Amino acid sequence: MNTARNNSAAQLKAWRARWAALAPRERQALALALGTIGLALVWWVLLAPALQTLRAAPAQHALLDQQLQRMQRLEAEALRLQADLPPPAAEGGEALPAARPDLQRALQESVANQLGAAARLVLQGERAQLTLTRVPAPALAAWLGQARQNFKVATVEMKLTAATGAAPAAAAAGDQHWDGNLVLSLPPTEAAP
């Protein structure tokens, strides 16, 4: 340990001797060069990253604001859809009464009139399963809106896929067709129209 201390003391003495041997003009130039290197290091290590973060902050803040607004829209949509769901079973575990036959008949007629042979509705107590084969997207959207408003049905589950083998003219016109299944919850007897 003493040897290392002695070596560093000897090196420091040698540097001081060299510094003293330099002309005043050389000492000034060397001091200026060392100061410039020190300032450059301070800039690259401390100031430049902080300034870069400060410059990027407004864009990042705007992006986060957009994400927040999107999440708030999704939350509002989820709350709206949740409000459309039928009430849960009554306290004590009793199931809701089955939907009325006239509601079921009106729902069957609605499917036949608006979606035609491309859709098949199977009623199962308080639920209905709608099977779709190449149903046009606008017709499906219109029927779902009408069913929700007129019959107070709620979509419980939806599994749709884009219909394959669409006609080139339909694909060019942007007409999307769907295949898949929808599970609908029918309102209880008291809520039926």
C-alpha atoms as a PDB file:
ATOM      1  CA  MET A   1       0.000   0.000   0.000  1.00  0.00           C
ATOM      2  CA  ASN A   2       2.835   2.348   0.859  1.00  0.00           C
ATOM      3  CA  THR A   3       4.487   1.597  -2.500  1.00  0.00           C
ATOM      4  CA  ALA A   4       1.356   2.598  -4.395  1.00  0.00           C
ATOM      5  CA  ARG A   5       1.132   5.793  -2.372  1.00  0.00           C
ATOM      6  CA  ASN A   6       4.801   6.532  -2.963  1.00  0.00           C
ATOM      7  CA  ASN A   7       4.408   5.908  -6.722  1.00  0.00           C
ATOM      8  CA  SER A   8       1.419   8.227  -7.024  1.00  0.00           C
ATOM      9  CA  ALA A   9       3.225  10.904  -4.997  1.00  0.00           C
ATOM     10  CA  ALA A  10       6.254  10.561  -7.302  1.00  0.00           C
ATOM     11  CA  GLN A  11       4.051  10.842 -10.408  1.00  0.00           C
ATOM     12  CA  LEU A  12       2.311  13.910  -8.997  1.00  0.00           C
ATOM     13  CA  LYS A  13       5.725  15.490  -8.276  1.00  0.00           C
ATOM     14  CA  ALA A  14       6.823  14.735 -11.860  1.00  0.00           C
ATOM     15  CA  TRP A  15       3.623  16.355 -13.299  1.00  0.00           C
ATOM     16  CA  ARG A  16       4.149  19.458 -11.153  1.00  0.00           C
ATOM     17  CA  ALA A  17       7.721  19.702 -12.331  1.00  0.00           C
ATOM     18  CA  ARG A  18       6.612  19.417 -15.961  1.00  0.00           C
ATOM     19  CA  TRP A  19       3.901  22.030 -15.413  1.00  0.00           C
ATOM     20  CA  ALA A  20       6.382  24.412 -13.861  1.00  0.00           C
ATOM     21  CA  ALA A  21       8.777  23.834 -16.769  1.00  0.00           C
ATOM     22  CA  LEU A  22       6.145  24.925 -19.316  1.00  0.00           C
ATOM     23  CA  ALA A  23       6.088  28.459 -20.576  1.00  0.00           C
ATOM     24  CA  PRO A  24       3.149  30.588 -19.345  1.00  0.00           C
ATOM     25  CA  ARG A  25       1.620  30.594 -22.831  1.00  0.00           C
ATOM     26  CA  GLU A  26       1.772  26.745 -22.999  1.00  0.00           C
ATOM     27  CA  ARG A  27       0.220  26.465 -19.523  1.00  0.00           C
ATOM     28  CA  GLN A  28      -2.610  28.739 -20.621  1.00  0.00           C
ATOM     29  CA  ALA A  29      -3.238  26.722 -23.817  1.00  0.00           C
ATOM     30  CA  LEU A  30      -3.175  23.430 -21.893  1.00  0.00           C
ATOM     31  CA  ALA A  31      -5.557  24.798 -19.245  1.00  0.00           C
ATOM     32  CA  LEU A  32      -7.903  25.995 -21.999  1.00  0.00           C
ATOM     33  CA  ALA A  33      -7.811  22.555 -23.695  1.00  0.00           C
ATOM     34  CA  LEU A  34      -8.516  20.735 -20.398  1.00  0.00           C
ATOM     35  CA  GLY A  35     -11.347  23.163 -19.619  1.00  0.00           C
ATOM     36  CA  THR A  36     -12.889  22.586 -23.069  1.00  0.00           C
ATOM     37  CA  ILE A  37     -12.720  18.800 -22.591  1.00  0.00           C
ATOM     38  CA  GLY A  38     -14.289  19.174 -19.133  1.00  0.00           C
ATOM     39  CA  LEU A  39     -17.143  21.302 -20.494  1.00  0.00           C
ATOM     40  CA  ALA A  40     -17.761  18.818 -23.330  1.00  0.00           C
ATOM     41  CA  LEU A  41     -17.976  15.955 -20.840  1.00  0.00           C
ATOM     42  CA  VAL A  42     -20.402  17.922 -18.653  1.00  0.00           C
ATOM     43  CA  TRP A  43     -22.528  18.659 -21.756  1.00  0.00           C
ATOM     44  CA  TRP A  44     -22.634  15.043 -23.030  1.00  0.00           C
ATOM     45  CA  VAL A  45     -23.119  13.408 -19.664  1.00  0.00           C
ATOM     46  CA  LEU A  46     -25.386  15.840 -17.800  1.00  0.00           C
ATOM     47  CA  LEU A  47     -27.045  18.448 -19.999  1.00  0.00           C
ATOM     48  CA  ALA A  48     -27.719  16.812 -23.402  1.00  0.00           C
ATOM     49  CA  PRO A  49     -29.837  13.907 -22.049  1.00  0.00           C
ATOM     50  CA  ALA A  50     -31.892  16.284 -19.912  1.00  0.00           C
ATOM     51  CA  LEU A  51     -32.519  18.627 -22.847  1.00  0.00           C
ATOM     52  CA  GLN A  52     -33.490  15.692 -25.086  1.00  0.00           C
ATOM     53  CA  THR A  53     -36.019  14.537 -22.496  1.00  0.00           C
ATOM     54  CA  LEU A  54     -37.368  18.067 -22.222  1.00  0.00           C
ATOM     55  CA  ARG A  55     -37.772  18.330 -26.025  1.00  0.00           C
ATOM     56  CA  ALA A  56     -39.528  14.943 -26.279  1.00  0.00           C
ATOM     57  CA  ALA A  57     -41.908  15.618 -23.377  1.00  0.00           C
ATOM     58  CA  PRO A  58     -44.667  17.500 -25.328  1.00  0.00           C
ATOM     59  CA  ALA A  59     -44.972  14.774 -27.968  1.00  0.00           C
ATOM     60  CA  GLN A  60     -45.006  12.056 -25.340  1.00  0.00           C
ATOM     61  CA  HIS A  61     -47.579  14.007 -23.323  1.00  0.00           C
ATOM     62  CA  ALA A  62     -49.833  14.330 -26.396  1.00  0.00           C
ATOM     63  CA  LEU A  63     -49.545  10.594 -27.075  1.00  0.00           C
ATOM     64  CA  LEU A  64     -50.462   9.776 -23.483  1.00  0.00           C
ATOM     65  CA  ASP A  65     -53.434  12.168 -23.694  1.00  0.00           C
ATOM     66  CA  GLN A  66     -54.680  10.334 -26.813  1.00  0.00           C
ATOM     67  CA  GLN A  67     -54.334   6.992 -25.050  1.00  0.00           C
ATOM     68  CA  LEU A  68     -56.218   8.341 -22.036  1.00  0.00           C
ATOM     69  CA  GLN A  69     -59.058   9.635 -24.223  1.00  0.00           C
ATOM     70  CA  ARG A  70     -59.271   6.277 -26.017  1.00  0.00           C
ATOM     71  CA  MET A  71     -59.419   4.444 -22.690  1.00  0.00           C
ATOM     72  CA  GLN A  72     -62.154   6.797 -21.471  1.00  0.00           C
ATOM     73  CA  ARG A  73     -64.169   6.176 -24.661  1.00  0.00           C
ATOM     74  CA  LEU A  74     -63.761   2.424 -24.199  1.00  0.00           C
ATOM     75  CA  GLU A  75     -64.839   2.723 -20.568  1.00  0.00           C
ATOM     76  CA  ALA A  76     -67.942   4.698 -21.569  1.00  0.00           C
ATOM     77  CA  GLU A  77     -68.786   2.102 -24.229  1.00  0.00           C
ATOM     78  CA  ALA A  78     -68.296  -0.739 -21.729  1.00  0.00           C
ATOM     79  CA  LEU A  79     -70.559   0.995 -19.203  1.00  0.00           C
ATOM     80  CA  ARG A  80     -73.196   1.565 -21.889  1.00  0.00           C
ATOM     81  CA  LEU A  81     -73.070  -2.073 -22.942  1.00  0.00           C
ATOM     82  CA  GLN A  82     -73.161  -3.179 -19.313  1.00  0.00           C
ATOM     83  CA  ALA A  83     -76.287  -1.093 -18.783  1.00  0.00           C
ATOM     84  CA  ASP A  84     -77.923  -2.931 -21.716  1.00  0.00           C
ATOM     85  CA  LEU A  85     -77.366  -6.344 -20.091  1.00  0.00           C
ATOM     86  CA  PRO A  86     -80.381  -7.993 -18.472  1.00  0.00           C
ATOM     87  CA  PRO A  87     -80.497  -7.986 -14.666  1.00  0.00           C
ATOM     88  CA  PRO A  88     -78.924 -10.983 -12.906  1.00  0.00           C
ATOM     89  CA  ALA A  89     -81.017 -13.736 -11.379  1.00  0.00           C
ATOM     90  CA  ALA A  90     -83.102 -12.713  -8.388  1.00  0.00           C
ATOM     91  CA  GLU A  91     -81.753 -13.041  -4.842  1.00  0.00           C
ATOM     92  CA  GLY A  92     -81.960 -16.556  -3.469  1.00  0.00           C
ATOM     93  CA  GLY A  93     -80.806 -18.148  -6.722  1.00  0.00           C
ATOM     94  CA  GLU A  94     -84.168 -18.077  -8.509  1.00  0.00           C
ATOM     95  CA  ALA A  95     -83.913 -17.872 -12.288  1.00  0.00           C
ATOM     96  CA  LEU A  96     -85.753 -15.232 -14.259  1.00  0.00           C
ATOM     97  CA  PRO A  97     -88.966 -16.378 -15.920  1.00  0.00           C
ATOM     98  CA  ALA A  98     -88.727 -17.490 -19.541  1.00  0.00           C
ATOM     99  CA  ALA A  99     -89.415 -15.011 -22.329  1.00  0.00           C
ATOM    100  CA  ARG A 100     -92.942 -14.856 -23.771  1.00  0.00           C
ATOM    101  CA  PRO A 101     -93.827 -16.887 -26.853  1.00  0.00           C
ATOM    102  CA  ASP A 102     -95.052 -13.789 -28.743  1.00  0.00           C
ATOM    103  CA  LEU A 103     -91.649 -12.144 -28.207  1.00  0.00           C
ATOM    104  CA  GLN A 104     -89.936 -15.263 -29.510  1.00  0.00           C
ATOM    105  CA  ARG A 105     -92.211 -15.339 -32.561  1.00  0.00           C
ATOM    106  CA  ALA A 106     -91.613 -11.633 -33.273  1.00  0.00           C
ATOM    107  CA  LEU A 107     -87.867 -12.181 -32.945  1.00  0.00           C
ATOM    108  CA  GLN A 108     -87.998 -15.142 -35.382  1.00  0.00           C
ATOM    109  CA  GLU A 109     -89.947 -13.035 -37.884  1.00  0.00           C
ATOM    110  CA  SER A 110     -87.499 -10.157 -37.514  1.00  0.00           C
ATOM    111  CA  VAL A 111     -84.558 -12.441 -38.309  1.00  0.00           C
ATOM    112  CA  ALA A 112     -86.370 -13.925 -41.313  1.00  0.00           C
ATOM    113  CA  ASN A 113     -87.379 -10.509 -42.689  1.00  0.00           C
ATOM    114  CA  GLN A 114     -84.094  -8.646 -42.202  1.00  0.00           C
ATOM    115  CA  LEU A 115     -81.406 -11.320 -42.437  1.00  0.00           C
ATOM    116  CA  GLY A 116     -83.190 -13.919 -44.557  1.00  0.00           C
ATOM    117  CA  ALA A 117     -81.995 -17.472 -45.052  1.00  0.00           C
ATOM    118  CA  ALA A 118     -78.403 -16.459 -44.203  1.00  0.00           C
ATOM    119  CA  ALA A 119     -79.336 -16.440 -40.509  1.00  0.00           C
ATOM    120  CA  ARG A 120     -80.875 -19.092 -38.287  1.00  0.00           C
ATOM    121  CA  LEU A 121     -82.246 -18.286 -34.821  1.00  0.00           C
ATOM    122  CA  VAL A 122     -82.564 -21.045 -32.229  1.00  0.00           C
ATOM    123  CA  LEU A 123     -84.403 -20.102 -29.028  1.00  0.00           C
ATOM    124  CA  GLN A 124     -83.375 -21.770 -25.764  1.00  0.00           C
ATOM    125  CA  GLY A 125     -85.342 -20.436 -22.800  1.00  0.00           C
ATOM    126  CA  GLU A 126     -83.907 -17.042 -21.845  1.00  0.00           C
ATOM    127  CA  ARG A 127     -81.245 -17.214 -24.535  1.00  0.00           C
ATOM    128  CA  ALA A 128     -81.196 -17.339 -28.302  1.00  0.00           C
ATOM    129  CA  GLN A 129     -78.400 -18.394 -30.617  1.00  0.00           C
ATOM    130  CA  LEU A 130     -78.153 -16.713 -33.999  1.00  0.00           C
ATOM    131  CA  THR A 131     -76.035 -18.566 -36.571  1.00  0.00           C
ATOM    132  CA  LEU A 132     -74.859 -16.465 -39.513  1.00  0.00           C
ATOM    133  CA  THR A 133     -73.673 -17.532 -42.956  1.00  0.00           C
ATOM    134  CA  ARG A 134     -72.440 -14.761 -45.259  1.00  0.00           C
ATOM    135  CA  VAL A 135     -74.673 -12.086 -43.686  1.00  0.00           C
ATOM    136  CA  PRO A 136     -73.934  -8.540 -44.948  1.00  0.00           C
ATOM    137  CA  ALA A 137     -72.430  -6.366 -42.212  1.00  0.00           C
ATOM    138  CA  PRO A 138     -74.889  -3.442 -42.648  1.00  0.00           C
ATOM    139  CA  ALA A 139     -77.883  -5.796 -42.378  1.00  0.00           C
ATOM    140  CA  LEU A 140     -76.460  -7.414 -39.235  1.00  0.00           C
ATOM    141  CA  ALA A 141     -75.754  -4.031 -37.629  1.00  0.00           C
ATOM    142  CA  ALA A 142     -79.271  -2.784 -38.439  1.00  0.00           C
ATOM    143  CA  TRP A 143     -80.877  -5.955 -37.078  1.00  0.00           C
ATOM    144  CA  LEU A 144     -78.829  -5.842 -33.853  1.00  0.00           C
ATOM    145  CA  GLY A 145     -79.827  -2.223 -33.256  1.00  0.00           C
ATOM    146  CA  GLN A 146     -83.507  -2.995 -33.881  1.00  0.00           C
ATOM    147  CA  ALA A 147     -83.429  -6.129 -31.712  1.00  0.00           C
ATOM    148  CA  ARG A 148     -81.819  -4.228 -28.845  1.00  0.00           C
ATOM    149  CA  GLN A 149     -84.292  -1.357 -29.098  1.00  0.00           C
ATOM    150  CA  ASN A 150     -87.543  -3.177 -29.942  1.00  0.00           C
ATOM    151  CA  PHE A 151     -87.097  -6.529 -28.233  1.00  0.00           C
ATOM    152  CA  LYS A 152     -84.723  -5.534 -25.410  1.00  0.00           C
ATOM    153  CA  VAL A 153     -82.332  -8.356 -26.221  1.00  0.00           C
ATOM    154  CA  ALA A 154     -78.684  -8.068 -25.259  1.00  0.00           C
ATOM    155  CA  THR A 155     -75.725  -9.648 -27.000  1.00  0.00           C
ATOM    156  CA  VAL A 156     -73.986 -11.916 -24.497  1.00  0.00           C
ATOM    157  CA  GLU A 157     -71.419 -13.494 -26.792  1.00  0.00           C
ATOM    158  CA  MET A 158     -70.339 -12.778 -30.351  1.00  0.00           C
ATOM    159  CA  LYS A 159     -67.950 -14.835 -32.466  1.00  0.00           C
ATOM    160  CA  LEU A 160     -67.740 -13.488 -36.007  1.00  0.00           C
ATOM    161  CA  THR A 161     -65.307 -14.101 -38.827  1.00  0.00           C
ATOM    162  CA  ALA A 162     -65.109 -12.453 -42.213  1.00  0.00           C
ATOM    163  CA  ALA A 163     -66.913 -14.622 -44.757  1.00  0.00           C
ATOM    164  CA  THR A 164     -64.524 -16.315 -47.159  1.00  0.00           C
ATOM    165  CA  GLY A 165     -64.994 -16.451 -50.905  1.00  0.00           C
ATOM    166  CA  ALA A 166     -66.695 -13.088 -51.220  1.00  0.00           C
ATOM    167  CA  ALA A 167     -67.600 -12.079 -54.733  1.00  0.00           C
ATOM    168  CA  PRO A 168     -65.012  -9.726 -56.303  1.00  0.00           C
ATOM    169  CA  ALA A 169     -67.653  -7.064 -56.993  1.00  0.00           C
ATOM    170  CA  ALA A 170     -68.813  -7.146 -53.359  1.00  0.00           C
ATOM    171  CA  ALA A 171     -65.239  -7.007 -52.078  1.00  0.00           C
ATOM    172  CA  ALA A 172     -64.470  -4.058 -54.346  1.00  0.00           C
ATOM    173  CA  ALA A 173     -67.570  -2.217 -53.142  1.00  0.00           C
ATOM    174  CA  GLY A 174     -66.441  -2.714 -49.540  1.00  0.00           C
ATOM    175  CA  ASP A 175     -69.422  -4.912 -48.583  1.00  0.00           C
ATOM    176  CA  GLN A 176     -68.273  -7.093 -45.684  1.00  0.00           C
ATOM    177  CA  HIS A 177     -70.081 -10.354 -44.973  1.00  0.00           C
ATOM    178  CA  TRP A 178     -69.934 -12.272 -41.696  1.00  0.00           C
ATOM    179  CA  ASP A 179     -70.051 -15.898 -40.622  1.00  0.00           C
ATOM    180  CA  GLY A 180     -70.371 -16.891 -36.989  1.00  0.00           C
ATOM    181  CA  ASN A 181     -72.577 -17.108 -33.930  1.00  0.00           C
ATOM    182  CA  LEU A 182     -74.223 -14.654 -31.566  1.00  0.00           C
ATOM    183  CA  VAL A 183     -75.703 -15.569 -28.203  1.00  0.00           C
ATOM    184  CA  LEU A 184     -78.502 -13.229 -27.199  1.00  0.00           C
ATOM    185  CA  SER A 185     -80.124 -12.794 -23.815  1.00  0.00           C
ATOM    186  CA  LEU A 186     -83.893 -12.403 -24.022  1.00  0.00           C
ATOM    187  CA  PRO A 187     -85.752 -10.180 -21.549  1.00  0.00           C
ATOM    188  CA  PRO A 188     -87.891 -11.839 -18.872  1.00  0.00           C
ATOM    189  CA  THR A 189     -91.676 -11.857 -19.177  1.00  0.00           C
ATOM    190  CA  GLU A 190     -92.120  -8.604 -17.245  1.00  0.00           C
ATOM    191  CA  ALA A 191     -89.746  -6.650 -19.557  1.00  0.00           C
ATOM    192  CA  ALA A 192     -91.161  -7.962 -22.840  1.00  0.00           C
ATOM    193  CA  PRO A 193     -93.033  -5.439 -25.030  1.00  0.00           C
END
